[in-house]
Amino acid sequence: MRGFGRFLIATLCGLVAAVGVHIAAILASPYLAENDAFAKVQPTLTADKAQIVSAPGGQSTWLPRPDPAVAVAACAFDLDNGPMRVAARTGSLPLSFSFHRESGGVFFAVTDRAAVRGELDIVAMTPRQLDEARAAEDENDPSRDVRIVSPEQRGFVIVRVVAPTPSLRSQAEDAAKAVSCTTEQDS
């Protein structure tokens, strides 16, 4: 029984070690990936408009399984340069934004239902930039911007515009490309 007991303990220790290594590999993979989503959209840091990642109709894209009825555009941001403003005019096609951290994960999402008078303005900023914006704000004329605090300095925004029918695909692509992504310089 002694030999079997040692074998059982050694097997259990091996299984616990294997599970630990497996979990560590899964949790570390976003930080070790060289060609992640942020790396793909990083060239859009200097663009003033969202850049098309996947046009409706399944045309060439780096997305693994693009939805043929959705135009997908992206804007990268670096809050070291100041808050990033994402502005869009809403129309008849459903529009959504999702804000992602550089290291992965969504930290904010919104649809065109949050638009005021057909316009949607979202400003991503750091906690310090939010405090400065609040201090500089006029009490009698409050901002209509949707202000969000980013958990990281760098990240990206994914813009999705749905084309319910194939005849609306070009309109969806135009709406996605019309989204403005600009950096507001610190005052």
Protein backbone atom coordinates (compact mmCIF):
# COMPACT_ATOMS: atom_id res chain seq x y z
CA MET A 1 0.00 0.00 0.00
CA ARG A 2 2.93 2.34 0.56
CA GLY A 3 4.00 2.26 -3.08
CA PHE A 4 0.47 2.90 -4.26
CA GLY A 5 0.05 5.81 -1.79
CA ARG A 6 3.22 7.48 -3.06
CA PHE A 7 2.09 6.96 -6.65
CA LEU A 8 -1.29 8.53 -5.85
CA ILE A 9 0.27 11.56 -4.14
CA ALA A 10 2.76 12.04 -7.00
CA THR A 11 -0.07 11.84 -9.54
CA LEU A 12 -2.19 14.36 -7.64
CA CYS A 13 0.78 16.75 -7.32
CA GLY A 14 1.42 16.42 -11.06
CA LEU A 15 -2.23 17.18 -11.85
CA VAL A 16 -2.26 20.24 -9.56
CA ALA A 17 0.96 21.52 -11.17
CA ALA A 18 -0.45 20.93 -14.67
CA VAL A 19 -3.66 22.80 -13.83
CA GLY A 20 -1.63 25.69 -12.37
CA VAL A 21 0.57 25.96 -15.47
CA HIS A 22 -2.48 25.78 -17.73
CA ILE A 23 -4.29 28.58 -15.88
CA ALA A 24 -1.14 30.75 -15.82
CA ALA A 25 -0.69 30.27 -19.59
CA ILE A 26 -4.29 31.30 -20.28
CA LEU A 27 -4.08 34.38 -18.06
CA ALA A 28 -0.70 35.47 -19.47
CA SER A 29 -1.55 35.04 -23.15
CA PRO A 30 -3.13 38.52 -23.65
CA TYR A 31 0.01 40.15 -22.24
CA LEU A 32 2.38 37.99 -24.28
CA ALA A 33 0.54 38.20 -27.61
CA GLU A 34 2.44 40.21 -30.20
CA ASN A 35 -0.27 40.48 -32.84
CA ASP A 36 -3.27 41.30 -30.66
CA ALA A 37 -6.26 43.49 -31.51
CA PHE A 38 -4.57 46.68 -30.29
CA ALA A 39 -1.56 46.01 -32.52
CA LYS A 40 -3.94 45.63 -35.48
CA VAL A 41 -5.70 48.97 -34.83
CA GLN A 42 -2.67 50.93 -33.56
CA PRO A 43 -2.09 52.59 -36.98
CA THR A 44 -5.41 54.43 -36.45
CA LEU A 45 -3.90 56.47 -33.56
CA THR A 46 -3.23 59.37 -35.91
CA ALA A 47 -6.48 59.15 -37.88
CA ASP A 48 -9.31 61.62 -37.28
CA LYS A 49 -11.97 59.19 -38.49
CA ALA A 50 -12.70 55.57 -37.71
CA GLN A 51 -10.95 53.18 -40.08
CA ILE A 52 -12.85 50.26 -41.59
CA VAL A 53 -11.76 46.90 -40.19
CA SER A 54 -14.47 44.83 -41.86
CA ALA A 55 -16.87 46.05 -44.49
CA PRO A 56 -20.33 44.48 -44.70
CA GLY A 57 -20.47 41.59 -47.11
CA GLY A 58 -17.51 39.65 -45.71
CA GLN A 59 -14.78 41.35 -47.72
CA SER A 60 -11.13 40.89 -46.76
CA THR A 61 -10.43 41.51 -43.08
CA TRP A 62 -8.23 40.24 -40.28
CA LEU A 63 -11.30 39.36 -38.20
CA PRO A 64 -11.67 35.57 -37.87
CA ARG A 65 -15.41 35.38 -38.68
CA PRO A 66 -16.81 38.75 -39.76
CA ASP A 67 -20.55 39.28 -39.76
CA PRO A 68 -21.57 40.01 -43.37
CA ALA A 69 -24.33 42.38 -42.20
CA VAL A 70 -22.12 44.60 -40.01
CA ALA A 71 -19.65 47.32 -40.89
CA VAL A 72 -16.86 47.34 -38.31
CA ALA A 73 -14.50 50.28 -37.87
CA ALA A 74 -11.91 51.07 -35.20
CA CYS A 75 -10.07 53.97 -33.56
CA ALA A 76 -7.09 53.54 -31.26
CA PHE A 77 -6.41 56.04 -28.48
CA ASP A 78 -3.56 57.08 -26.22
CA LEU A 79 -4.74 59.23 -23.32
CA ASP A 80 -1.22 60.56 -22.72
CA ASN A 81 -2.04 62.97 -25.56
CA GLY A 82 -5.29 64.11 -23.91
CA PRO A 83 -8.88 62.85 -23.75
CA MET A 84 -10.24 61.13 -26.85
CA ARG A 85 -13.58 62.26 -28.26
CA VAL A 86 -15.67 59.86 -30.32
CA ALA A 87 -18.53 61.62 -32.12
CA ALA A 88 -21.17 60.24 -34.42
CA ARG A 89 -24.41 61.30 -36.01
CA THR A 90 -27.03 58.63 -35.71
CA GLY A 91 -29.30 57.61 -38.53
CA SER A 92 -31.68 54.84 -39.41
CA LEU A 93 -29.08 52.06 -39.06
CA PRO A 94 -28.25 50.63 -35.62
CA LEU A 95 -24.89 51.90 -34.34
CA SER A 96 -22.85 50.76 -31.34
CA PHE A 97 -19.50 51.55 -29.72
CA SER A 98 -17.42 49.31 -27.49
CA PHE A 99 -14.36 50.66 -25.70
CA HIS A 100 -11.56 48.17 -25.10
CA ARG A 101 -8.44 48.23 -22.94
CA GLU A 102 -5.09 47.66 -24.66
CA SER A 103 -4.57 44.51 -22.60
CA GLY A 104 -7.97 43.17 -23.62
CA GLY A 105 -11.51 43.39 -22.38
CA VAL A 106 -14.38 45.80 -22.87
CA PHE A 107 -14.75 48.53 -20.27
CA PHE A 108 -17.67 50.49 -21.78
CA ALA A 109 -20.29 49.96 -24.46
CA VAL A 110 -23.11 52.13 -25.76
CA THR A 111 -25.60 52.14 -28.62
CA ASP A 112 -27.19 54.90 -30.66
CA ARG A 113 -30.10 54.88 -28.19
CA ALA A 114 -27.99 57.15 -25.96
CA ALA A 115 -27.87 59.86 -28.67
CA VAL A 116 -29.23 63.31 -27.94
CA ARG A 117 -30.86 65.00 -30.96
CA GLY A 118 -29.19 62.53 -33.33
CA GLU A 119 -25.68 63.13 -32.00
CA LEU A 120 -23.57 60.96 -29.75
CA ASP A 121 -20.42 62.39 -28.12
CA ILE A 122 -18.33 60.18 -25.87
CA VAL A 123 -15.11 61.35 -24.25
CA ALA A 124 -12.69 58.74 -22.88
CA MET A 125 -10.31 60.09 -20.26
CA THR A 126 -8.16 59.29 -17.26
CA PRO A 127 -9.40 60.03 -13.73
CA ARG A 128 -7.11 63.10 -13.58
CA GLN A 129 -8.46 64.39 -16.91
CA LEU A 130 -12.03 63.88 -15.65
CA ASP A 131 -11.28 65.92 -12.51
CA GLU A 132 -9.79 68.71 -14.66
CA ALA A 133 -12.80 68.69 -16.98
CA ARG A 134 -15.19 68.92 -14.05
CA ALA A 135 -13.22 71.79 -12.52
CA ALA A 136 -13.22 73.73 -15.80
CA GLU A 137 -16.91 73.12 -16.50
CA ASP A 138 -19.41 75.97 -16.27
CA GLU A 139 -22.17 75.13 -13.78
CA ASN A 140 -24.75 77.01 -15.85
CA ASP A 141 -23.84 75.20 -19.08
CA PRO A 142 -23.03 71.56 -18.25
CA SER A 143 -21.43 69.32 -20.84
CA ARG A 144 -23.67 66.96 -22.81
CA ASP A 145 -20.79 64.58 -23.42
CA VAL A 146 -20.86 61.06 -22.14
CA ARG A 147 -17.63 60.93 -20.12
CA ILE A 148 -16.02 57.60 -19.38
CA VAL A 149 -12.91 56.79 -17.41
CA SER A 150 -10.52 54.41 -19.10
CA PRO A 151 -8.79 51.86 -16.85
CA GLU A 152 -5.67 52.09 -19.05
CA GLN A 153 -3.88 54.87 -20.92
CA ARG A 154 -4.19 53.12 -24.27
CA GLY A 155 -7.01 51.26 -25.89
CA PHE A 156 -9.34 51.25 -28.85
CA VAL A 157 -12.95 51.78 -29.85
CA ILE A 158 -14.84 49.37 -32.07
CA VAL A 159 -17.71 50.92 -34.07
CA ARG A 160 -20.38 48.60 -35.44
CA VAL A 161 -23.11 49.64 -37.87
CA VAL A 162 -25.68 47.04 -38.84
CA ALA A 163 -26.98 46.76 -42.41
CA PRO A 164 -30.22 44.77 -42.12
CA THR A 165 -30.40 44.25 -45.90
CA PRO A 166 -27.66 43.89 -48.53
CA SER A 167 -28.85 47.11 -50.21
CA LEU A 168 -27.87 49.08 -47.07
CA ARG A 169 -24.29 47.75 -46.85
CA SER A 170 -22.66 50.81 -48.44
CA GLN A 171 -24.70 53.11 -46.19
CA ALA A 172 -23.53 51.14 -43.12
CA GLU A 173 -19.91 51.38 -44.24
CA ASP A 174 -20.25 55.14 -44.83
CA ALA A 175 -21.79 55.59 -41.36
CA ALA A 176 -18.94 53.65 -39.75
CA LYS A 177 -16.30 55.70 -41.61
CA ALA A 178 -18.01 58.97 -40.61
CA VAL A 179 -17.39 58.41 -36.88
CA SER A 180 -14.95 61.04 -35.66
CA CYS A 181 -12.13 60.06 -33.28
CA THR A 182 -10.12 63.09 -32.15
CA THR A 183 -7.76 63.84 -29.31
CA GLU A 184 -8.55 66.87 -27.20
CA GLN A 185 -5.35 68.58 -26.09
CA ASP A 186 -4.93 69.14 -22.38
CA SER A 187 -5.58 72.73 -21.36
